[in-house]
Protein backbone atom coordinates (compact mmCIF):
# COMPACT_ATOMS: atom_id res chain seq x y z
CA UNK A 1 43.93 72.51 42.37
CA UNK A 2 42.15 74.60 45.25
CA UNK A 3 40.64 77.06 42.10
CA UNK A 4 37.51 76.82 40.04
CA UNK A 5 37.53 74.74 37.36
CA UNK A 6 35.95 76.16 34.95
CA UNK A 7 35.59 73.09 32.40
CA UNK A 8 34.68 70.95 34.66
CA UNK A 9 31.71 72.92 35.72
CA UNK A 10 30.53 73.90 32.52
CA UNK A 11 30.73 69.97 31.47
CA UNK A 12 29.07 69.05 34.32
CA UNK A 13 26.13 70.64 33.90
CA UNK A 14 25.86 69.20 30.41
CA UNK A 15 27.33 72.66 28.43
CA UNK A 16 29.52 71.20 25.19
CA UNK A 17 32.59 73.37 25.39
CA UNK A 18 35.06 74.13 23.11
CA UNK A 19 38.50 75.60 22.53
CA UNK A 20 41.31 74.82 20.99
CA UNK A 21 45.28 73.97 20.86
CA UNK A 22 48.13 76.10 22.03
CA UNK A 23 51.75 74.70 20.29
CA UNK A 24 53.44 78.75 20.24
CA UNK A 25 54.68 79.32 23.82
CA UNK A 26 54.14 81.76 24.11
CA UNK A 27 51.82 83.59 27.32
CA UNK A 28 50.17 86.52 25.34
CA UNK A 29 49.45 84.79 22.52
CA UNK A 30 46.98 82.51 25.03
CA UNK A 31 45.55 85.88 27.18
CA UNK A 32 45.16 86.69 23.00
CA UNK A 33 43.13 83.78 22.38
CA UNK A 34 41.68 83.16 25.96
CA UNK A 35 40.26 86.58 25.49
CA UNK A 36 37.83 85.71 22.67
CA UNK A 37 35.75 83.30 25.85
CA UNK A 38 37.47 80.12 25.02
CA UNK A 39 35.72 77.10 27.25
CA UNK A 40 38.88 75.84 26.64
CA UNK A 41 43.01 75.77 26.03
CA UNK A 42 45.60 73.33 25.62
CA UNK A 43 48.25 73.26 25.95
CA UNK A 44 50.27 71.25 24.01
CA UNK A 45 53.07 69.60 25.81
CA UNK A 46 53.62 66.81 23.96
CA UNK A 47 54.22 68.22 20.05
CA UNK A 48 55.02 72.34 21.44
CA UNK A 49 58.75 73.49 22.74
CA UNK A 50 57.41 74.56 26.74
CA UNK A 51 59.39 74.84 29.77
CA UNK A 52 56.40 74.28 32.91
CA UNK A 53 57.87 78.19 33.23
CA UNK A 54 55.92 79.12 30.26
CA UNK A 55 53.63 76.84 30.61
CA UNK A 56 52.60 78.00 34.10
CA UNK A 57 52.11 81.91 32.68
CA UNK A 58 50.44 80.38 29.83
CA UNK A 59 48.10 79.31 32.99
CA UNK A 60 48.04 81.78 34.54
CA UNK A 61 46.86 84.22 31.63
CA UNK A 62 43.64 81.73 30.39
CA UNK A 63 42.56 81.87 34.60
CA UNK A 64 42.93 85.62 34.43
CA UNK A 65 40.07 85.27 30.90
CA UNK A 66 38.27 82.67 33.40
CA UNK A 67 39.13 80.00 30.73
CA UNK A 68 40.80 76.30 32.07
CA UNK A 69 43.89 75.46 30.83
CA UNK A 70 44.95 71.83 30.06
CA UNK A 71 48.44 69.95 30.11
CA UNK A 72 48.99 67.83 27.34
CA UNK A 73 51.67 65.37 28.50
CA UNK A 74 53.86 64.22 26.13
CA UNK A 75 54.32 60.66 27.94
CA UNK A 76 53.13 59.39 31.00
CA UNK A 77 55.68 59.69 33.31
CA UNK A 78 55.42 60.86 37.06
CA UNK A 79 57.66 63.64 36.97
CA UNK A 80 55.75 65.46 33.95
CA UNK A 81 52.29 64.79 35.41
CA UNK A 82 53.37 66.19 38.55
CA UNK A 83 55.24 69.68 37.01
CA UNK A 84 52.06 70.12 35.10
CA UNK A 85 49.77 69.84 38.10
CA UNK A 86 51.87 71.48 40.63
CA UNK A 87 51.85 74.20 37.90
CA UNK A 88 47.21 74.62 38.51
CA UNK A 89 46.30 73.17 35.14
CA UNK A 90 42.86 72.26 35.40
CA UNK A 91 43.42 69.17 34.07
CA UNK A 92 45.80 67.22 32.19
CA UNK A 93 44.80 65.46 28.98
CA UNK A 94 47.61 62.44 28.46
CA UNK A 95 48.27 61.17 24.34
CA UNK A 96 47.40 56.80 22.39
CA UNK A 97 45.79 55.10 25.90
CA UNK A 98 45.75 51.89 24.97
CA UNK A 99 46.15 49.67 27.74
CA UNK A 100 44.54 49.63 31.58
CA UNK A 101 48.03 49.97 32.58
CA UNK A 102 48.39 53.41 30.52
CA UNK A 103 45.48 54.83 32.77
CA UNK A 104 46.73 53.01 36.01
CA UNK A 105 49.83 55.36 36.02
CA UNK A 106 47.83 58.15 35.12
CA UNK A 107 45.27 57.75 37.89
CA UNK A 108 48.51 56.67 39.96
CA UNK A 109 50.48 59.80 39.89
CA UNK A 110 47.87 62.59 39.79
CA UNK A 111 45.51 62.11 42.44
CA UNK A 112 46.69 62.47 45.81
CA UNK A 113 46.02 59.00 48.31
CA UNK A 114 44.44 57.47 48.54
CA UNK A 115 43.18 57.36 45.19
CA UNK A 116 47.19 57.07 44.33
CA UNK A 117 50.36 58.81 44.58
CA UNK A 118 51.10 62.08 43.70
CA UNK A 119 53.90 64.11 45.08
CA UNK A 120 52.73 67.28 48.10
CA UNK A 121 53.20 70.31 48.74
CA UNK A 122 51.17 73.11 49.34
CA UNK A 123 54.10 75.94 48.54
CA UNK A 124 53.10 75.60 44.48
CA UNK A 125 50.70 77.28 42.25
CA UNK A 126 48.14 74.16 42.44
CA UNK A 127 48.38 74.52 46.94
CA UNK A 128 47.92 78.88 46.21
CA UNK A 129 51.51 78.62 47.91
CA UNK A 130 49.57 78.63 51.69
CA UNK A 131 50.61 75.81 54.07
CA UNK A 132 47.70 76.42 55.35
CA UNK A 133 45.89 74.83 52.91
CA UNK A 134 47.33 71.37 53.14
CA UNK A 135 45.12 70.10 54.79
CA UNK A 136 42.30 70.23 52.50
CA UNK A 137 44.61 69.96 49.39
CA UNK A 138 44.38 66.72 48.78
CA UNK A 139 40.88 66.33 48.75
CA UNK A 140 39.65 69.31 47.29
CA UNK A 141 42.60 68.27 43.99
CA UNK A 142 41.07 65.13 44.03
CA UNK A 143 37.83 65.99 42.91
CA UNK A 144 38.41 69.14 40.67
CA UNK A 145 40.93 67.96 38.50
CA UNK A 146 40.45 66.56 34.63
CA UNK A 147 41.43 63.52 33.83
CA UNK A 148 41.34 63.00 30.04
CA UNK A 149 43.07 60.06 27.93
CA UNK A 150 43.28 60.21 24.59
CA UNK A 151 42.56 57.28 22.06
CA UNK A 152 44.30 56.98 19.11
CA UNK A 153 44.83 53.80 17.88
CA UNK A 154 42.26 50.38 17.40
CA UNK A 155 44.24 49.41 20.22
CA UNK A 156 42.49 51.72 22.58
CA UNK A 157 39.79 51.04 21.18
CA UNK A 158 38.96 47.42 21.98
CA UNK A 159 40.10 48.12 25.74
CA UNK A 160 37.61 51.36 25.96
CA UNK A 161 34.98 49.39 28.00
CA UNK A 162 37.50 48.41 31.14
CA UNK A 163 38.97 52.08 31.08
CA UNK A 164 35.42 53.32 31.16
CA UNK A 165 34.50 51.72 34.33
CA UNK A 166 37.66 54.16 35.68
CA UNK A 167 36.22 56.46 38.72
CA UNK A 168 39.02 59.03 37.93
CA UNK A 169 38.51 59.05 33.97
CA UNK A 170 36.19 62.04 33.02
CA UNK A 171 36.44 62.90 29.59
CA UNK A 172 37.87 60.24 26.44
CA UNK A 173 39.77 62.77 23.43
CA UNK A 174 39.03 60.76 20.23
CA UNK A 175 42.67 61.08 17.92
CA UNK A 176 40.87 61.10 15.04
CA UNK A 177 44.00 62.05 12.73
CA UNK A 178 45.73 59.57 14.64
CA UNK A 179 43.15 57.04 14.43
CA UNK A 180 43.29 57.06 10.13
CA UNK A 181 46.45 56.53 9.98
CA UNK A 182 46.09 53.94 12.41
CA UNK A 183 43.18 52.37 9.81
CA UNK A 184 45.07 52.46 6.95
CA UNK A 185 43.24 56.48 5.46
CA UNK A 186 45.57 58.90 7.06
CA UNK A 187 44.43 62.42 6.94
CA UNK A 188 40.35 60.89 5.54
CA UNK A 189 38.65 62.16 9.37
CA UNK A 190 35.96 62.04 7.13
CA UNK A 191 35.64 58.76 6.26
CA UNK A 192 32.33 56.80 7.19
CA UNK A 193 34.49 53.80 8.26
CA UNK A 194 35.80 57.06 10.74
CA UNK A 195 32.08 58.25 11.47
CA UNK A 196 30.75 55.04 11.50
CA UNK A 197 33.17 53.68 14.51
CA UNK A 198 33.04 57.84 15.84
CA UNK A 199 29.06 57.29 16.65
CA UNK A 200 29.70 53.87 18.67
CA UNK A 201 31.98 55.34 20.34
CA UNK A 202 30.18 58.76 21.50
CA UNK A 203 27.43 56.12 22.23
CA UNK A 204 29.49 53.80 24.90
CA UNK A 205 31.06 57.21 26.68
CA UNK A 206 28.22 58.67 27.08
CA UNK A 207 26.48 55.34 28.52
CA UNK A 208 29.15 55.59 31.33
CA UNK A 209 28.15 58.94 32.76
CA UNK A 210 31.57 60.30 30.68
CA UNK A 211 32.04 63.02 28.56
CA UNK A 212 33.83 62.94 25.35
CA UNK A 213 35.83 65.41 22.76
CA UNK A 214 37.38 65.31 19.33
CA UNK A 215 39.28 68.03 16.93
CA UNK A 216 37.46 70.08 14.65
CA UNK A 217 39.29 72.26 11.27
CA UNK A 218 36.47 73.51 9.66
CA UNK A 219 33.42 74.84 10.59
CA UNK A 220 31.11 72.55 8.78
CA UNK A 221 33.65 69.68 11.10
CA UNK A 222 32.57 71.65 13.60
CA UNK A 223 29.04 71.83 13.18
CA UNK A 224 28.77 67.45 12.51
CA UNK A 225 30.43 67.22 15.68
CA UNK A 226 28.27 69.45 18.36
CA UNK A 227 25.01 67.46 16.39
CA UNK A 228 26.43 64.83 18.01
CA UNK A 229 26.51 66.14 20.85
CA UNK A 230 30.76 65.63 21.77
CA UNK A 231 31.54 68.15 25.10
CA UNK A 232 34.86 68.95 24.23
CA UNK A 233 36.03 70.16 21.64
CA UNK A 234 39.05 71.17 20.45
CA UNK A 235 39.42 73.59 17.27
CA UNK A 236 42.17 73.31 15.17
CA UNK A 237 45.38 74.35 16.25
CA UNK A 238 46.60 78.16 17.24
CA UNK A 239 50.28 77.71 14.72
CA UNK A 240 47.25 77.22 12.01
CA UNK A 241 44.67 79.76 12.77
CA UNK A 242 47.55 82.40 12.42
CA UNK A 243 48.66 80.91 9.54
CA UNK A 244 46.01 80.72 7.75
CA UNK A 245 44.70 84.18 8.80
CA UNK A 246 48.12 85.76 6.78
CA UNK A 247 47.51 83.54 3.74
CA UNK A 248 44.14 84.71 3.14
CA UNK A 249 45.01 88.13 4.24
CA UNK A 250 47.85 87.52 1.01
CA UNK A 251 45.75 85.40 -1.55
CA UNK A 252 42.98 88.67 -1.06
CA UNK A 253 45.82 91.31 -1.48
CA UNK A 254 47.39 89.91 -5.15
CA UNK A 255 44.16 89.84 -6.21
CA UNK A 256 43.16 93.47 -5.29
């Protein structure tokens, strides 16, 4: 990716950033959301029904508003990671990293040599469709592309110290809902046991010089996460935000 990575620049300056999840496969929706000046939008390739053509148009919409498009990849495959990066996303987020071999594969598929073996074509959007960029594309993209590892179970937490040793890992994302499920308290993301683990992970991640993020689904929890110095916060999901607005409208209408 040869363009400015807005999110990476902010994180390097110590800015706490906020974005949201994008499941609605519409560039128009992405344009509306990104026009609000969020820091990033996560195109959810795990739970969403996106084609890469639609995802590329969403990338265009985000960049037109100076918002970084991130894509969550459903599984660690060379094809999925290559295609996401070639459409010009500013970073990839991989769910359920639970071993060093998982992260090794991500780095191998997403970085050009000598760091990895990512397939190379300057004629894609990430290369600005220009062969003249070939000589500089690999080094710039290796530095400019964010790698985000999703930690969603106790296995991932146990191996976290080893994961933090990876030079190319930029952000650790804690999947609180999946973590709560693995701990036998599904959905209870504000439980004291969850928050204690989260505090330990924040400290460990920051001490390793990495950034950390998670999801908030209420303004109260968002405030708590911001006070905990989280760097990369996703607030809710576009489908949920849309439905809640119209549910509130209907409820108010009936009570008028």
